[in-house]
Amino acid sequence: MNICRLLLSALLLCIAPISQAAYPDRPIKIIVGFAAGGGSDILTRTIAPALSEALGVPVVVDNQPGAGGNRAMAEVARAKPDGYTLLLGTPGLATNASLYSNLGFDPAKDFAPVGLVGSVQNVLIVRPTLAVTKVSELIDLAKQSPGKLNYASPGAGTSLHLAGELFNESAQIKTVHVPYKGGGQALSDLMSGQVDFMFNVLPSALPQIKAGTVRAIAVTGAQRSDALPDTPTMIESGVAGYTAVTWNGILAPAGTPPDIIAKLNQTIAQVLTTPEMKQRYAAIGTTVLIGSPEDFANFIRAETVKWQRAIQASGIKAE
């Protein structure tokens, strides 16, 4: 009997290492809080194949639009902290606590930052039938008929909604916000002339700008974009101090083991520094951002403070 027990124990010891497979050993899901075709979706689908190849497992993009990204954030906050459900983080992590009365999760406590992956300028685009080619002309038109012009966004409280409100405040104009459930539909309605203008992330708008189905009149960074070198910044266009960029990063549920966070961070850095990925980023007007999980956590805290002040000053609340 003792010999049988010893043999069984030895067998279990041999099997145990086999059963504890190294991470990852099955598909990883990255949840995006906005519809397919928007800037966050485009960026995620740009990096997902490279991450899949580097990690040796499928990396699947799961679009869960709704409530300015809150639906996706809540899903990841509730997910098992095992590294197989991740979030494509957006500025909503820094703004939504100030915009919504009850999120159902805590952006500061329910996520483990993995790393930033990119930053992209927004671009101010107008419908092709709107008779403006400069920001100053759009401002003049808005001042001639206060409340007549409208602008689209991917949803109430999103960073692109805030970009529009910042434009209203900075230019001292009044235009009407039209929220959508994603950037793709908002852009489609702009192209068809149902709305007048919108701020959109450059990767999403660039194909339509090049095709001439929308007109770009300014970018929102401190410098011009290499993707649109002839398009002036908002500051150059006379809107003093105006900057509003969109950033993205990867996060896991709080409690995810540090070794998994470290492996994901290292893999992301490995993928983003390849010449192929740099070329792909340049093609969609995105800047590569690389840093540690701690760098990303500090960045989110700084963004939260900045936008909290701006939101409270403007009185914006998500619908």
Protein backbone atom coordinates (compact mmCIF):
# COMPACT_ATOMS: atom_id res chain seq x y z
CA MET A 1 0.00 0.00 0.00
CA ASN A 2 2.80 2.41 0.91
CA ILE A 3 4.60 1.63 -2.35
CA CYS A 4 1.40 2.42 -4.31
CA ARG A 5 1.04 5.72 -2.50
CA LEU A 6 4.65 6.62 -3.22
CA LEU A 7 4.21 5.77 -6.90
CA LEU A 8 1.01 7.82 -7.05
CA SER A 9 2.69 10.80 -5.39
CA ALA A 10 5.59 10.59 -7.81
CA LEU A 11 3.19 10.43 -10.74
CA LEU A 12 1.31 13.51 -9.53
CA LEU A 13 4.56 15.42 -9.15
CA CYS A 14 5.43 14.63 -12.74
CA ILE A 15 2.02 15.67 -14.03
CA ALA A 16 1.79 18.93 -12.05
CA PRO A 17 4.32 20.93 -14.09
CA ILE A 18 2.63 19.78 -17.29
CA SER A 19 -0.81 20.98 -16.11
CA GLN A 20 0.53 24.40 -15.10
CA ALA A 21 1.12 25.66 -18.62
CA ALA A 22 3.06 28.85 -19.14
CA TYR A 23 1.08 32.01 -19.94
CA PRO A 24 -0.46 32.34 -22.44
CA ASP A 25 -1.84 29.00 -23.56
CA ARG A 26 -5.17 30.09 -25.05
CA PRO A 27 -6.64 33.08 -26.94
CA ILE A 28 -6.42 36.55 -25.41
CA LYS A 29 -9.29 39.00 -25.82
CA ILE A 30 -8.84 42.78 -26.02
CA ILE A 31 -12.13 44.56 -25.38
CA VAL A 32 -12.62 47.89 -27.17
CA GLY A 33 -15.31 50.21 -25.85
CA PHE A 34 -16.23 51.65 -29.24
CA ALA A 35 -17.69 50.37 -32.49
CA ALA A 36 -15.72 48.91 -35.36
CA GLY A 37 -14.25 51.53 -37.67
CA GLY A 38 -13.39 54.06 -34.98
CA GLY A 39 -9.88 55.13 -34.08
CA SER A 40 -9.52 52.85 -31.03
CA ASP A 41 -10.71 49.89 -33.07
CA ILE A 42 -8.29 50.65 -35.91
CA LEU A 43 -5.34 50.91 -33.53
CA THR A 44 -6.23 47.67 -31.73
CA ARG A 45 -6.59 45.77 -35.00
CA THR A 46 -3.23 47.18 -36.09
CA ILE A 47 -1.34 45.74 -33.12
CA ALA A 48 -3.40 42.57 -32.46
CA PRO A 49 -1.87 40.41 -35.25
CA ALA A 50 1.67 41.31 -34.17
CA LEU A 51 0.88 40.57 -30.52
CA SER A 52 -0.66 37.27 -31.57
CA GLU A 53 2.49 36.28 -33.43
CA ALA A 54 4.76 37.32 -30.56
CA LEU A 55 2.71 35.55 -27.89
CA GLY A 56 1.94 32.47 -29.95
CA VAL A 57 -1.83 32.57 -29.35
CA PRO A 58 -4.74 34.33 -31.09
CA VAL A 59 -5.37 37.90 -29.91
CA VAL A 60 -9.02 38.69 -30.57
CA VAL A 61 -10.58 42.17 -30.73
CA ASP A 62 -14.01 42.36 -29.06
CA ASN A 63 -15.99 45.58 -29.69
CA GLN A 64 -18.40 46.43 -26.87
CA PRO A 65 -19.54 50.02 -27.51
CA GLY A 66 -21.72 51.95 -25.13
CA ALA A 67 -21.76 54.71 -22.48
CA GLY A 68 -18.53 56.35 -23.53
CA GLY A 69 -16.54 53.16 -23.09
CA ASN A 70 -18.03 52.32 -19.69
CA ARG A 71 -19.58 49.06 -20.86
CA ALA A 72 -16.20 47.72 -21.93
CA MET A 73 -14.47 48.97 -18.79
CA ALA A 74 -17.08 47.34 -16.57
CA GLU A 75 -16.69 44.05 -18.44
CA VAL A 76 -12.93 44.00 -17.91
CA ALA A 77 -13.22 45.16 -14.29
CA ARG A 78 -15.38 42.08 -13.58
CA ALA A 79 -13.22 39.67 -15.60
CA LYS A 80 -11.00 37.01 -14.07
CA PRO A 81 -7.54 38.51 -13.47
CA ASP A 82 -5.66 35.88 -15.46
CA GLY A 83 -4.35 37.91 -18.40
CA TYR A 84 -6.83 36.57 -20.94
CA THR A 85 -9.24 39.53 -20.87
CA LEU A 86 -7.67 42.93 -21.50
CA LEU A 87 -8.93 46.47 -22.08
CA LEU A 88 -7.94 48.94 -24.77
CA GLY A 89 -7.78 51.98 -22.52
CA THR A 90 -8.83 55.42 -23.75
CA PRO A 91 -9.09 58.89 -22.16
CA GLY A 92 -12.40 57.72 -20.67
CA LEU A 93 -10.33 56.17 -17.90
CA ALA A 94 -9.38 59.70 -16.87
CA THR A 95 -12.66 61.49 -17.59
CA ASN A 96 -15.62 59.22 -16.94
CA ALA A 97 -15.50 59.34 -13.14
CA SER A 98 -16.15 63.09 -13.45
CA LEU A 99 -18.82 62.69 -16.12
CA TYR A 100 -20.99 59.85 -14.78
CA SER A 101 -22.67 59.73 -11.39
CA ASN A 102 -22.41 55.94 -11.01
CA LEU A 103 -19.95 53.96 -13.09
CA GLY A 104 -20.31 50.64 -11.28
CA PHE A 105 -16.51 50.33 -11.17
CA ASP A 106 -13.54 52.38 -10.00
CA PRO A 107 -11.15 53.43 -12.79
CA ALA A 108 -8.41 54.06 -10.24
CA LYS A 109 -8.67 50.70 -8.43
CA ASP A 110 -10.21 48.09 -10.74
CA PHE A 111 -7.49 47.95 -13.42
CA ALA A 112 -3.82 47.04 -13.62
CA PRO A 113 -2.07 49.21 -16.21
CA VAL A 114 0.09 47.23 -18.64
CA GLY A 115 1.42 49.97 -20.88
CA LEU A 116 0.67 52.80 -23.26
CA VAL A 117 0.59 51.82 -26.92
CA GLY A 118 -0.02 55.01 -28.86
CA SER A 119 -1.08 58.61 -29.07
CA VAL A 120 -2.91 60.17 -31.95
CA GLN A 121 -3.93 63.65 -32.87
CA ASN A 122 -7.54 64.47 -33.44
CA VAL A 123 -8.56 66.31 -36.58
CA LEU A 124 -11.36 68.81 -37.11
CA ILE A 125 -13.29 67.75 -40.20
CA VAL A 126 -16.36 69.23 -41.87
CA ARG A 127 -18.97 67.84 -44.23
CA PRO A 128 -17.98 68.29 -47.89
CA THR A 129 -20.93 70.58 -48.62
CA LEU A 130 -20.12 73.03 -45.81
CA ALA A 131 -18.62 76.16 -47.34
CA VAL A 132 -15.63 76.48 -45.02
CA THR A 133 -11.96 75.66 -45.57
CA LYS A 134 -10.49 77.27 -42.44
CA VAL A 135 -11.25 77.18 -38.72
CA SER A 136 -11.77 80.95 -38.75
CA GLU A 137 -14.52 80.53 -41.35
CA LEU A 138 -16.22 77.84 -39.24
CA ILE A 139 -16.08 80.12 -36.20
CA ASP A 140 -17.53 83.04 -38.20
CA LEU A 141 -20.37 80.83 -39.48
CA ALA A 142 -21.13 79.63 -35.94
CA LYS A 143 -21.20 83.18 -34.62
CA GLN A 144 -23.56 84.31 -37.37
CA SER A 145 -26.11 81.67 -36.36
CA PRO A 146 -25.58 80.53 -32.75
CA GLY A 147 -26.89 77.01 -32.14
CA LYS A 148 -27.47 76.26 -35.81
CA LEU A 149 -24.31 74.26 -36.54
CA ASN A 150 -23.96 70.82 -34.98
CA TYR A 151 -21.10 68.44 -34.40
CA ALA A 152 -20.96 64.66 -34.03
CA SER A 153 -19.06 62.53 -31.54
CA PRO A 154 -18.80 58.80 -30.73
CA GLY A 155 -20.86 59.40 -27.60
CA ALA A 156 -21.65 61.75 -24.76
CA GLY A 157 -18.66 62.23 -22.50
CA THR A 158 -16.12 60.77 -24.91
CA SER A 159 -12.82 62.55 -25.49
CA LEU A 160 -14.10 63.72 -28.88
CA HIS A 161 -17.20 65.20 -27.26
CA LEU A 162 -14.93 67.03 -24.83
CA ALA A 163 -12.81 68.24 -27.76
CA GLY A 164 -15.94 69.79 -29.26
CA GLU A 165 -16.95 71.45 -26.01
CA LEU A 166 -13.43 72.79 -25.59
CA PHE A 167 -13.73 74.27 -29.09
CA ASN A 168 -17.03 75.94 -28.17
CA GLU A 169 -15.47 77.40 -25.04
CA SER A 170 -12.16 78.43 -26.60
CA ALA A 171 -13.72 80.04 -29.68
CA GLN A 172 -16.66 81.48 -27.71
CA ILE A 173 -19.24 79.92 -30.02
CA LYS A 174 -22.35 77.82 -29.53
CA THR A 175 -22.77 74.63 -31.56
CA VAL A 176 -24.97 71.62 -30.80
CA HIS A 177 -23.57 68.23 -29.81
CA VAL A 178 -24.99 65.13 -31.58
CA PRO A 179 -23.86 61.94 -29.80
CA TYR A 180 -23.58 58.57 -31.57
CA LYS A 181 -22.82 55.06 -30.34
CA GLY A 182 -19.50 54.93 -32.14
CA GLY A 183 -17.14 56.88 -34.34
CA GLY A 184 -17.93 54.91 -37.48
CA GLN A 185 -21.59 55.96 -37.63
CA ALA A 186 -20.75 59.54 -36.67
CA LEU A 187 -18.25 59.75 -39.52
CA SER A 188 -20.72 58.18 -41.93
CA ASP A 189 -23.36 60.80 -41.11
CA LEU A 190 -20.80 63.58 -41.52
CA MET A 191 -19.92 62.27 -44.97
CA SER A 192 -23.59 62.20 -45.94
CA GLY A 193 -24.14 65.76 -44.68
CA GLN A 194 -26.42 64.97 -41.75
CA VAL A 195 -24.07 66.75 -39.33
CA ASP A 196 -21.81 69.74 -39.94
CA PHE A 197 -18.48 68.88 -38.35
CA MET A 198 -16.73 66.66 -35.85
CA PHE A 199 -13.45 66.06 -34.10
CA ASN A 200 -12.23 62.60 -34.99
CA VAL A 201 -9.09 60.61 -34.32
CA LEU A 202 -6.78 60.92 -37.30
CA PRO A 203 -6.52 57.17 -38.15
CA SER A 204 -10.28 56.91 -38.53
CA ALA A 205 -10.66 60.08 -40.59
CA LEU A 206 -7.57 59.83 -42.78
CA PRO A 207 -9.01 57.55 -45.54
CA GLN A 208 -12.04 59.82 -45.95
CA ILE A 209 -9.87 62.94 -45.93
CA LYS A 210 -7.71 61.49 -48.71
CA ALA A 211 -10.80 60.41 -50.63
CA GLY A 212 -12.30 63.90 -50.38
CA THR A 213 -15.51 62.74 -48.69
CA VAL A 214 -14.76 65.03 -45.70
CA ARG A 215 -12.58 68.13 -45.44
CA ALA A 216 -9.84 68.51 -42.80
CA ILE A 217 -9.33 72.06 -41.56
CA ALA A 218 -7.12 71.61 -38.48
CA VAL A 219 -5.33 69.08 -36.28
CA THR A 220 -5.43 69.29 -32.50
CA GLY A 221 -1.85 68.65 -31.39
CA ALA A 222 0.79 71.19 -30.51
CA GLN A 223 2.53 70.46 -33.83
CA ARG A 224 1.29 69.51 -37.27
CA SER A 225 0.88 65.84 -38.12
CA ASP A 226 3.24 64.11 -40.54
CA ALA A 227 0.16 62.40 -41.98
CA LEU A 228 -1.37 65.83 -42.86
CA PRO A 229 1.60 68.19 -43.14
CA ASP A 230 -0.40 70.91 -44.95
CA THR A 231 -3.16 71.03 -42.33
CA PRO A 232 -2.57 73.67 -39.62
CA THR A 233 -2.99 73.11 -35.90
CA MET A 234 -5.88 74.67 -34.01
CA ILE A 235 -3.40 77.06 -32.41
CA GLU A 236 -2.06 78.11 -35.80
CA SER A 237 -5.68 78.60 -36.86
CA GLY A 238 -6.21 81.20 -34.17
CA VAL A 239 -7.68 79.11 -31.32
CA ALA A 240 -5.19 80.03 -28.61
CA GLY A 241 -3.91 77.22 -26.39
CA TYR A 242 -6.11 74.53 -27.95
CA THR A 243 -4.71 70.99 -27.78
CA ALA A 244 -6.62 67.71 -27.43
CA VAL A 245 -5.05 64.37 -28.32
CA THR A 246 -6.30 60.82 -27.89
CA TRP A 247 -4.18 58.14 -26.22
CA ASN A 248 -4.55 54.40 -25.91
CA GLY A 249 -3.05 51.77 -23.64
CA ILE A 250 -3.57 48.19 -22.52
CA LEU A 251 -4.92 47.33 -19.07
CA ALA A 252 -5.81 44.12 -17.26
CA PRO A 253 -8.22 43.53 -14.35
CA ALA A 254 -6.84 44.47 -10.94
CA GLY A 255 -5.19 41.50 -9.28
CA THR A 256 -3.60 40.14 -12.45
CA PRO A 257 -0.28 38.52 -11.43
CA PRO A 258 2.74 40.81 -11.82
CA ASP A 259 4.60 38.29 -13.97
CA ILE A 260 1.75 38.31 -16.50
CA ILE A 261 1.68 42.12 -16.51
CA ALA A 262 5.44 42.15 -17.06
CA LYS A 263 5.27 39.67 -19.92
CA LEU A 264 2.52 41.62 -21.66
CA ASN A 265 4.42 44.89 -21.22
CA GLN A 266 7.63 43.40 -22.58
CA THR A 267 5.80 41.88 -25.55
CA ILE A 268 4.08 45.17 -26.37
CA ALA A 269 7.43 47.00 -26.27
CA GLN A 270 8.97 44.33 -28.48
CA VAL A 271 6.17 44.64 -31.04
CA LEU A 272 6.03 48.44 -31.09
CA THR A 273 9.75 48.89 -31.70
CA THR A 274 9.82 46.87 -34.91
CA PRO A 275 10.26 48.81 -38.17
CA GLU A 276 7.10 47.19 -39.54
CA MET A 277 4.95 48.46 -36.67
CA LYS A 278 6.47 51.93 -36.80
CA GLN A 279 5.56 52.06 -40.48
CA ARG A 280 2.01 50.92 -39.78
CA TYR A 281 1.62 53.52 -37.04
CA ALA A 282 2.88 56.25 -39.34
CA ALA A 283 0.37 55.19 -41.99
CA ILE A 284 -2.54 55.73 -39.58
CA GLY A 285 -1.17 58.94 -38.08
CA THR A 286 -0.31 57.45 -34.70
CA THR A 287 2.72 58.02 -32.50
CA VAL A 288 4.27 55.02 -30.73
CA LEU A 289 4.33 55.30 -26.92
CA ILE A 290 6.33 52.84 -24.82
CA GLY A 291 6.75 52.73 -21.05
CA SER A 292 6.47 50.64 -17.93
CA PRO A 293 3.20 49.79 -16.15
CA GLU A 294 4.20 52.36 -13.53
CA ASP A 295 4.68 55.02 -16.21
CA PHE A 296 1.18 54.31 -17.53
CA ALA A 297 -0.34 54.45 -14.03
CA ASN A 298 1.28 57.84 -13.40
CA PHE A 299 0.10 59.09 -16.79
CA ILE A 300 -3.51 58.11 -16.05
CA ARG A 301 -3.39 59.88 -12.69
CA ALA A 302 -2.09 63.08 -14.31
CA GLU A 303 -4.75 62.94 -17.06
CA THR A 304 -7.47 62.40 -14.45
CA VAL A 305 -6.49 65.54 -12.57
CA LYS A 306 -6.28 67.62 -15.76
CA TRP A 307 -9.66 66.60 -17.17
CA GLN A 308 -11.41 66.65 -13.80
CA ARG A 309 -10.66 70.35 -13.54
CA ALA A 310 -11.79 71.02 -17.12
CA ILE A 311 -15.03 69.06 -16.75
CA GLN A 312 -15.96 70.67 -13.48
CA ALA A 313 -15.27 74.12 -14.90
CA SER A 314 -17.47 73.53 -17.96
CA GLY A 315 -20.26 71.69 -16.14
CA ILE A 316 -20.34 68.86 -18.73
CA LYS A 317 -22.23 65.74 -17.71
CA ALA A 318 -22.72 62.58 -19.76
CA GLU A 319 -26.27 61.91 -20.90
